[in-house]
PDB file of N, CA and C in Angstrom:
ATOM      1  N   MET A   1     130.949  48.651 173.857  1.00  0.00           N
ATOM      2  CA  MET A   1     131.797  49.687 174.431  1.00  0.00           C
ATOM      3  C   MET A   1     131.965  50.802 173.405  1.00  0.00           C
ATOM      4  N   ASP A   2     131.842  52.030 173.847  1.00  0.00           N
ATOM      5  CA  ASP A   2     132.028  53.169 172.960  1.00  0.00           C
ATOM      6  C   ASP A   2     133.495  53.342 172.620  1.00  0.00           C
ATOM      7  N   LEU A   3     133.735  53.837 171.420  1.00  0.00           N
ATOM      8  CA  LEU A   3     135.099  54.078 170.972  1.00  0.00           C
ATOM      9  C   LEU A   3     135.652  55.310 171.671  1.00  0.00           C
ATOM     10  N   PHE A   4     136.823  55.174 172.234  1.00  0.00           N
ATOM     11  CA  PHE A   4     137.544  56.309 172.809  1.00  0.00           C
ATOM     12  C   PHE A   4     138.828  56.434 172.026  1.00  0.00           C
ATOM     13  N   GLU A   5     139.069  57.571 171.463  1.00  0.00           N
ATOM     14  CA  GLU A   5     140.242  57.740 170.617  1.00  0.00           C
ATOM     15  C   GLU A   5     140.939  59.050 170.935  1.00  0.00           C
ATOM     16  N   ILE A   6     142.253  58.978 171.023  1.00  0.00           N
ATOM     17  CA  ILE A   6     143.078  60.173 171.142  1.00  0.00           C
ATOM     18  C   ILE A   6     143.954  60.208 169.894  1.00  0.00           C
ATOM     19  N   ASP A   7     143.840  61.248 169.140  1.00  0.00           N
ATOM     20  CA  ASP A   7     144.664  61.421 167.939  1.00  0.00           C
ATOM     21  C   ASP A   7     145.369  62.754 168.080  1.00  0.00           C
ATOM     22  N   ASN A   8     146.637  62.708 168.391  1.00  0.00           N
ATOM     23  CA  ASN A   8     147.388  63.919 168.686  1.00  0.00           C
ATOM     24  C   ASN A   8     148.647  63.942 167.835  1.00  0.00           C
ATOM     25  N   THR A   9     148.728  64.892 166.938  1.00  0.00           N
ATOM     26  CA  THR A   9     149.901  65.043 166.091  1.00  0.00           C
ATOM     27  C   THR A   9     150.626  66.320 166.476  1.00  0.00           C
ATOM     28  N   GLN A  10     151.921  66.205 166.739  1.00  0.00           N
ATOM     29  CA  GLN A  10     152.728  67.361 167.111  1.00  0.00           C
ATOM     30  C   GLN A  10     154.020  67.356 166.309  1.00  0.00           C
ATOM     31  N   ARG A  11     154.482  68.526 165.949  1.00  0.00           N
ATOM     32  CA  ARG A  11     155.783  68.646 165.298  1.00  0.00           C
ATOM     33  C   ARG A  11     156.827  68.838 166.395  1.00  0.00           C
ATOM     34  N   MET A  12     157.891  68.030 166.350  1.00  0.00           N
ATOM     35  CA  MET A  12     158.956  68.112 167.357  1.00  0.00           C
ATOM     36  C   MET A  12     160.250  67.596 166.753  1.00  0.00           C
ATOM     37  N   SER A  13     161.317  67.773 167.467  1.00  0.00           N
ATOM     38  CA  SER A  13     162.610  67.277 166.991  1.00  0.00           C
ATOM     39  C   SER A  13     162.638  65.743 167.058  1.00  0.00           C
ATOM     40  N   ARG A  14     163.521  65.161 166.292  1.00  0.00           N
ATOM     41  CA  ARG A  14     163.706  63.716 166.316  1.00  0.00           C
ATOM     42  C   ARG A  14     164.061  63.244 167.725  1.00  0.00           C
ATOM     43  N   GLU A  15     164.899  64.013 168.419  1.00  0.00           N
ATOM     44  CA  GLU A  15     165.303  63.654 169.772  1.00  0.00           C
ATOM     45  C   GLU A  15     164.115  63.692 170.731  1.00  0.00           C
ATOM     46  N   ALA A  16     163.247  64.685 170.597  1.00  0.00           N
ATOM     47  CA  ALA A  16     162.064  64.775 171.448  1.00  0.00           C
ATOM     48  C   ALA A  16     161.114  63.610 171.170  1.00  0.00           C
ATOM     49  N   ALA A  17     160.970  63.239 169.909  1.00  0.00           N
ATOM     50  CA  ALA A  17     160.127  62.090 169.556  1.00  0.00           C
ATOM     51  C   ALA A  17     160.703  60.815 170.167  1.00  0.00           C
ATOM     52  N   ALA A  18     162.018  60.662 170.114  1.00  0.00           N
ATOM     53  CA  ALA A  18     162.668  59.488 170.704  1.00  0.00           C
ATOM     54  C   ALA A  18     162.436  59.459 172.210  1.00  0.00           C
ATOM     55  N   ALA A  19     162.492  60.618 172.866  1.00  0.00           N
ATOM     56  CA  ALA A  19     162.251  60.685 174.310  1.00  0.00           C
ATOM     57  C   ALA A  19     160.819  60.253 174.639  1.00  0.00           C
ATOM     58  N   ARG A  20     159.842  60.653 173.813  1.00  0.00           N
ATOM     59  CA  ARG A  20     158.448  60.241 174.035  1.00  0.00           C
ATOM     60  C   ARG A  20     158.319  58.734 173.877  1.00  0.00           C
ATOM     61  N   LEU A  21     158.981  58.166 172.870  1.00  0.00           N
ATOM     62  CA  LEU A  21     158.937  56.720 172.664  1.00  0.00           C
ATOM     63  C   LEU A  21     159.600  55.977 173.825  1.00  0.00           C
ATOM     64  N   HIS A  22     160.713  56.514 174.321  1.00  0.00           N
ATOM     65  CA  HIS A  22     161.385  55.912 175.491  1.00  0.00           C
ATOM     66  C   HIS A  22     160.457  55.912 176.705  1.00  0.00           C
ATOM     67  N   ALA A  23     159.779  57.027 176.935  1.00  0.00           N
ATOM     68  CA  ALA A  23     158.870  57.122 178.082  1.00  0.00           C
ATOM     69  C   ALA A  23     157.729  56.119 177.949  1.00  0.00           C
ATOM     70  N   LEU A  24     157.205  55.964 176.750  1.00  0.00           N
ATOM     71  CA  LEU A  24     156.140  54.994 176.514  1.00  0.00           C
ATOM     72  C   LEU A  24     156.645  53.571 176.750  1.00  0.00           C
ATOM     73  N   ALA A  25     157.831  53.261 176.227  1.00  0.00           N
ATOM     74  CA  ALA A  25     158.418  51.935 176.408  1.00  0.00           C
ATOM     75  C   ALA A  25     158.696  51.665 177.887  1.00  0.00           C
ATOM     76  N   ASP A  26     159.198  52.649 178.605  1.00  0.00           N
ATOM     77  CA  ASP A  26     159.464  52.484 180.040  1.00  0.00           C
ATOM     78  C   ASP A  26     158.176  52.212 180.807  1.00  0.00           C
ATOM     79  N   ALA A  27     157.111  52.934 180.484  1.00  0.00           N
ATOM     80  CA  ALA A  27     155.825  52.720 181.160  1.00  0.00           C
ATOM     81  C   ALA A  27     155.309  51.311 180.895  1.00  0.00           C
ATOM     82  N   LEU A  28     155.434  50.851 179.666  1.00  0.00           N
ATOM     83  CA  LEU A  28     154.970  49.501 179.333  1.00  0.00           C
ATOM     84  C   LEU A  28     155.759  48.432 180.073  1.00  0.00           C
ATOM     85  N   SER A  29     157.059  48.598 180.167  1.00  0.00           N
ATOM     86  CA  SER A  29     157.879  47.565 180.798  1.00  0.00           C
ATOM     87  C   SER A  29     157.791  47.588 182.324  1.00  0.00           C
ATOM     88  N   ARG A  30     157.555  48.739 182.914  1.00  0.00           N
ATOM     89  CA  ARG A  30     157.522  48.848 184.373  1.00  0.00           C
ATOM     90  C   ARG A  30     156.141  48.642 184.971  1.00  0.00           C
ATOM     91  N   HIS A  31     155.123  49.161 184.299  1.00  0.00           N
ATOM     92  CA  HIS A  31     153.805  49.230 184.920  1.00  0.00           C
ATOM     93  C   HIS A  31     152.731  48.430 184.186  1.00  0.00           C
ATOM     94  N   ASN A  32     153.032  47.886 183.038  1.00  0.00           N
ATOM     95  CA  ASN A  32     152.033  47.194 182.222  1.00  0.00           C
ATOM     96  C   ASN A  32     150.847  48.091 181.902  1.00  0.00           C
ATOM     97  N   SER A  33     151.076  49.389 181.883  1.00  0.00           N
ATOM     98  CA  SER A  33     150.029  50.333 181.516  1.00  0.00           C
ATOM     99  C   SER A  33     150.680  51.621 181.034  1.00  0.00           C
ATOM    100  N   VAL A  34     149.886  52.419 180.351  1.00  0.00           N
ATOM    101  CA  VAL A  34     150.343  53.732 179.897  1.00  0.00           C
ATOM    102  C   VAL A  34     149.261  54.747 180.237  1.00  0.00           C
ATOM    103  N   GLU A  35     149.671  55.975 180.482  1.00  0.00           N
ATOM    104  CA  GLU A  35     148.731  57.037 180.816  1.00  0.00           C
ATOM    105  C   GLU A  35     148.699  58.065 179.700  1.00  0.00           C
ATOM    106  N   PHE A  36     147.504  58.556 179.423  1.00  0.00           N
ATOM    107  CA  PHE A  36     147.307  59.616 178.447  1.00  0.00           C
ATOM    108  C   PHE A  36     146.469  60.691 179.112  1.00  0.00           C
ATOM    109  N   GLU A  37     146.655  61.913 178.654  1.00  0.00           N
ATOM    110  CA  GLU A  37     145.875  63.015 179.198  1.00  0.00           C
ATOM    111  C   GLU A  37     145.082  63.670 178.076  1.00  0.00           C
ATOM    112  N   ARG A  38     143.818  63.964 178.380  1.00  0.00           N
ATOM    113  CA  ARG A  38     142.939  64.603 177.400  1.00  0.00           C
ATOM    114  C   ARG A  38     142.017  65.551 178.160  1.00  0.00           C
ATOM    115  N   ASP A  39     142.024  66.796 177.763  1.00  0.00           N
ATOM    116  CA  ASP A  39     141.176  67.812 178.395  1.00  0.00           C
ATOM    117  C   ASP A  39     141.378  67.854 179.908  1.00  0.00           C
ATOM    118  N   GLY A  40     142.625  67.703 180.356  1.00  0.00           N
ATOM    119  CA  GLY A  40     142.935  67.773 181.766  1.00  0.00           C
ATOM    120  C   GLY A  40     142.610  66.518 182.562  1.00  0.00           C
ATOM    121  N   LYS A  41     142.122  65.472 181.896  1.00  0.00           N
ATOM    122  CA  LYS A  41     141.788  64.219 182.573  1.00  0.00           C
ATOM    123  C   LYS A  41     142.767  63.142 182.142  1.00  0.00           C
ATOM    124  N   LYS A  42     143.161  62.298 183.094  1.00  0.00           N
ATOM    125  CA  LYS A  42     144.102  61.217 182.798  1.00  0.00           C
ATOM    126  C   LYS A  42     143.357  59.925 182.510  1.00  0.00           C
ATOM    127  N   LEU A  43     143.860  59.187 181.562  1.00  0.00           N
ATOM    128  CA  LEU A  43     143.318  57.881 181.208  1.00  0.00           C
ATOM    129  C   LEU A  43     144.449  56.873 181.302  1.00  0.00           C
ATOM    130  N   THR A  44     144.245  55.808 182.046  1.00  0.00           N
ATOM    131  CA  THR A  44     145.237  54.744 182.166  1.00  0.00           C
ATOM    132  C   THR A  44     144.765  53.555 181.339  1.00  0.00           C
ATOM    133  N   VAL A  45     145.621  53.101 180.443  1.00  0.00           N
ATOM    134  CA  VAL A  45     145.312  51.965 179.585  1.00  0.00           C
ATOM    135  C   VAL A  45     146.154  50.780 180.039  1.00  0.00           C
ATOM    136  N   SER A  46     145.500  49.731 180.501  1.00  0.00           N
ATOM    137  CA  SER A  46     146.204  48.508 180.899  1.00  0.00           C
ATOM    138  C   SER A  46     146.576  47.719 179.653  1.00  0.00           C
ATOM    139  N   VAL A  47     147.796  47.232 179.645  1.00  0.00           N
ATOM    140  CA  VAL A  47     148.298  46.480 178.495  1.00  0.00           C
ATOM    141  C   VAL A  47     148.663  45.077 178.980  1.00  0.00           C
ATOM    142  N   PRO A  48     148.134  44.034 178.320  1.00  0.00           N
ATOM    143  CA  PRO A  48     148.409  42.666 178.780  1.00  0.00           C
ATOM    144  C   PRO A  48     149.869  42.271 178.544  1.00  0.00           C
ATOM    145  N   ASP A  49     150.241  41.122 179.097  1.00  0.00           N
ATOM    146  CA  ASP A  49     151.619  40.643 178.983  1.00  0.00           C
ATOM    147  C   ASP A  49     152.021  40.338 177.540  1.00  0.00           C
ATOM    148  N   GLU A  50     151.071  39.947 176.691  1.00  0.00           N
ATOM    149  CA  GLU A  50     151.384  39.658 175.292  1.00  0.00           C
ATOM    150  C   GLU A  50     150.554  40.551 174.373  1.00  0.00           C
ATOM    151  N   VAL A  51     151.214  41.126 173.393  1.00  0.00           N
ATOM    152  CA  VAL A  51     150.578  42.016 172.421  1.00  0.00           C
ATOM    153  C   VAL A  51     151.072  41.654 171.025  1.00  0.00           C
ATOM    154  N   GLN A  52     150.394  42.184 170.033  1.00  0.00           N
ATOM    155  CA  GLN A  52     150.902  42.083 168.668  1.00  0.00           C
ATOM    156  C   GLN A  52     151.580  43.400 168.344  1.00  0.00           C
ATOM    157  N   LEU A  53     152.778  43.326 167.798  1.00  0.00           N
ATOM    158  CA  LEU A  53     153.543  44.511 167.413  1.00  0.00           C
ATOM    159  C   LEU A  53     153.614  44.562 165.903  1.00  0.00           C
ATOM    160  N   LYS A  54     153.201  45.695 165.335  1.00  0.00           N
ATOM    161  CA  LYS A  54     153.253  45.885 163.887  1.00  0.00           C
ATOM    162  C   LYS A  54     154.109  47.119 163.615  1.00  0.00           C
ATOM    163  N   ILE A  55     155.088  46.962 162.747  1.00  0.00           N
ATOM    164  CA  ILE A  55     155.932  48.080 162.335  1.00  0.00           C
ATOM    165  C   ILE A  55     155.784  48.229 160.835  1.00  0.00           C
ATOM    166  N   GLU A  56     155.413  49.424 160.417  1.00  0.00           N
ATOM    167  CA  GLU A  56     155.153  49.685 158.998  1.00  0.00           C
ATOM    168  C   GLU A  56     155.979  50.891 158.563  1.00  0.00           C
ATOM    169  N   VAL A  57     156.623  50.767 157.416  1.00  0.00           N
ATOM    170  CA  VAL A  57     157.413  51.858 156.853  1.00  0.00           C
ATOM    171  C   VAL A  57     156.871  52.169 155.467  1.00  0.00           C
ATOM    172  N   GLU A  58     156.586  53.443 155.219  1.00  0.00           N
ATOM    173  CA  GLU A  58     156.148  53.882 153.905  1.00  0.00           C
ATOM    174  C   GLU A  58     157.097  54.982 153.436  1.00  0.00           C
ATOM    175  N   LEU A  59     157.658  54.796 152.254  1.00  0.00           N
ATOM    176  CA  LEU A  59     158.563  55.782 151.670  1.00  0.00           C
ATOM    177  C   LEU A  59     157.944  56.303 150.383  1.00  0.00           C
ATOM    178  N   GLY A  60     157.898  57.592 150.243  1.00  0.00           N
ATOM    179  CA  GLY A  60     157.315  58.218 149.059  1.00  0.00           C
ATOM    180  C   GLY A  60     157.464  59.719 149.188  1.00  0.00           C
ATOM    181  N   GLU A  61     156.422  60.455 148.752  1.00  0.00           N
ATOM    182  CA  GLU A  61     156.455  61.914 148.891  1.00  0.00           C
ATOM    183  C   GLU A  61     156.547  62.305 150.361  1.00  0.00           C
ATOM    184  N   GLU A  62     155.815  61.587 151.192  1.00  0.00           N
ATOM    185  CA  GLU A  62     155.889  61.774 152.641  1.00  0.00           C
ATOM    186  C   GLU A  62     156.241  60.434 153.268  1.00  0.00           C
ATOM    187  N   ASN A  63     157.304  60.399 154.044  1.00  0.00           N
ATOM    188  CA  ASN A  63     157.757  59.151 154.661  1.00  0.00           C
ATOM    189  C   ASN A  63     157.041  58.929 155.991  1.00  0.00           C
ATOM    190  N   GLU A  64     156.854  57.671 156.333  1.00  0.00           N
ATOM    191  CA  GLU A  64     156.121  57.349 157.553  1.00  0.00           C
ATOM    192  C   GLU A  64     156.674  56.090 158.194  1.00  0.00           C
ATOM    193  N   LEU A  65     156.816  56.142 159.506  1.00  0.00           N
ATOM    194  CA  LEU A  65     157.160  54.977 160.321  1.00  0.00           C
ATOM    195  C   LEU A  65     156.028  54.839 161.327  1.00  0.00           C
ATOM    196  N   GLU A  66     155.306  53.750 161.251  1.00  0.00           N
ATOM    197  CA  GLU A  66     154.155  53.529 162.119  1.00  0.00           C
ATOM    198  C   GLU A  66     154.414  52.331 163.017  1.00  0.00           C
ATOM    199  N   ILE A  67     154.207  52.520 164.311  1.00  0.00           N
ATOM    200  CA  ILE A  67     154.386  51.458 165.294  1.00  0.00           C
ATOM    201  C   ILE A  67     153.038  51.254 165.962  1.00  0.00           C
ATOM    202  N   GLU A  68     152.542  50.025 165.933  1.00  0.00           N
ATOM    203  CA  GLU A  68     151.206  49.761 166.454  1.00  0.00           C
ATOM    204  C   GLU A  68     151.218  48.543 167.373  1.00  0.00           C
ATOM    205  N   LEU A  69     150.618  48.683 168.535  1.00  0.00           N
ATOM    206  CA  LEU A  69     150.412  47.562 169.451  1.00  0.00           C
ATOM    207  C   LEU A  69     148.925  47.267 169.497  1.00  0.00           C
ATOM    208  N   THR A  70     148.560  45.991 169.370  1.00  0.00           N
ATOM    209  CA  THR A  70     147.163  45.599 169.500  1.00  0.00           C
ATOM    210  C   THR A  70     147.075  44.398 170.424  1.00  0.00           C
ATOM    211  N   TRP A  71     145.913  44.237 171.034  1.00  0.00           N
ATOM    212  CA  TRP A  71     145.658  43.079 171.884  1.00  0.00           C
ATOM    213  C   TRP A  71     144.182  42.818 171.925  1.00  0.00           C
TER     214      TRP A  71
END
């Protein structure tokens, strides 16, 4: 299978970032899938009932909170 990757970085307020995370969490809990849009086309990613959740925090010159789901 070919690699399909969406890497989208946007600057936004903390509240806007929280709203995006809420929308993602709601989609996962309600539909077992999430939708992404790229070049005007929608992609639906099915997510199984069990996933691995990784939370990583890096503190230094630039701070980072990374949340990753894998299956």
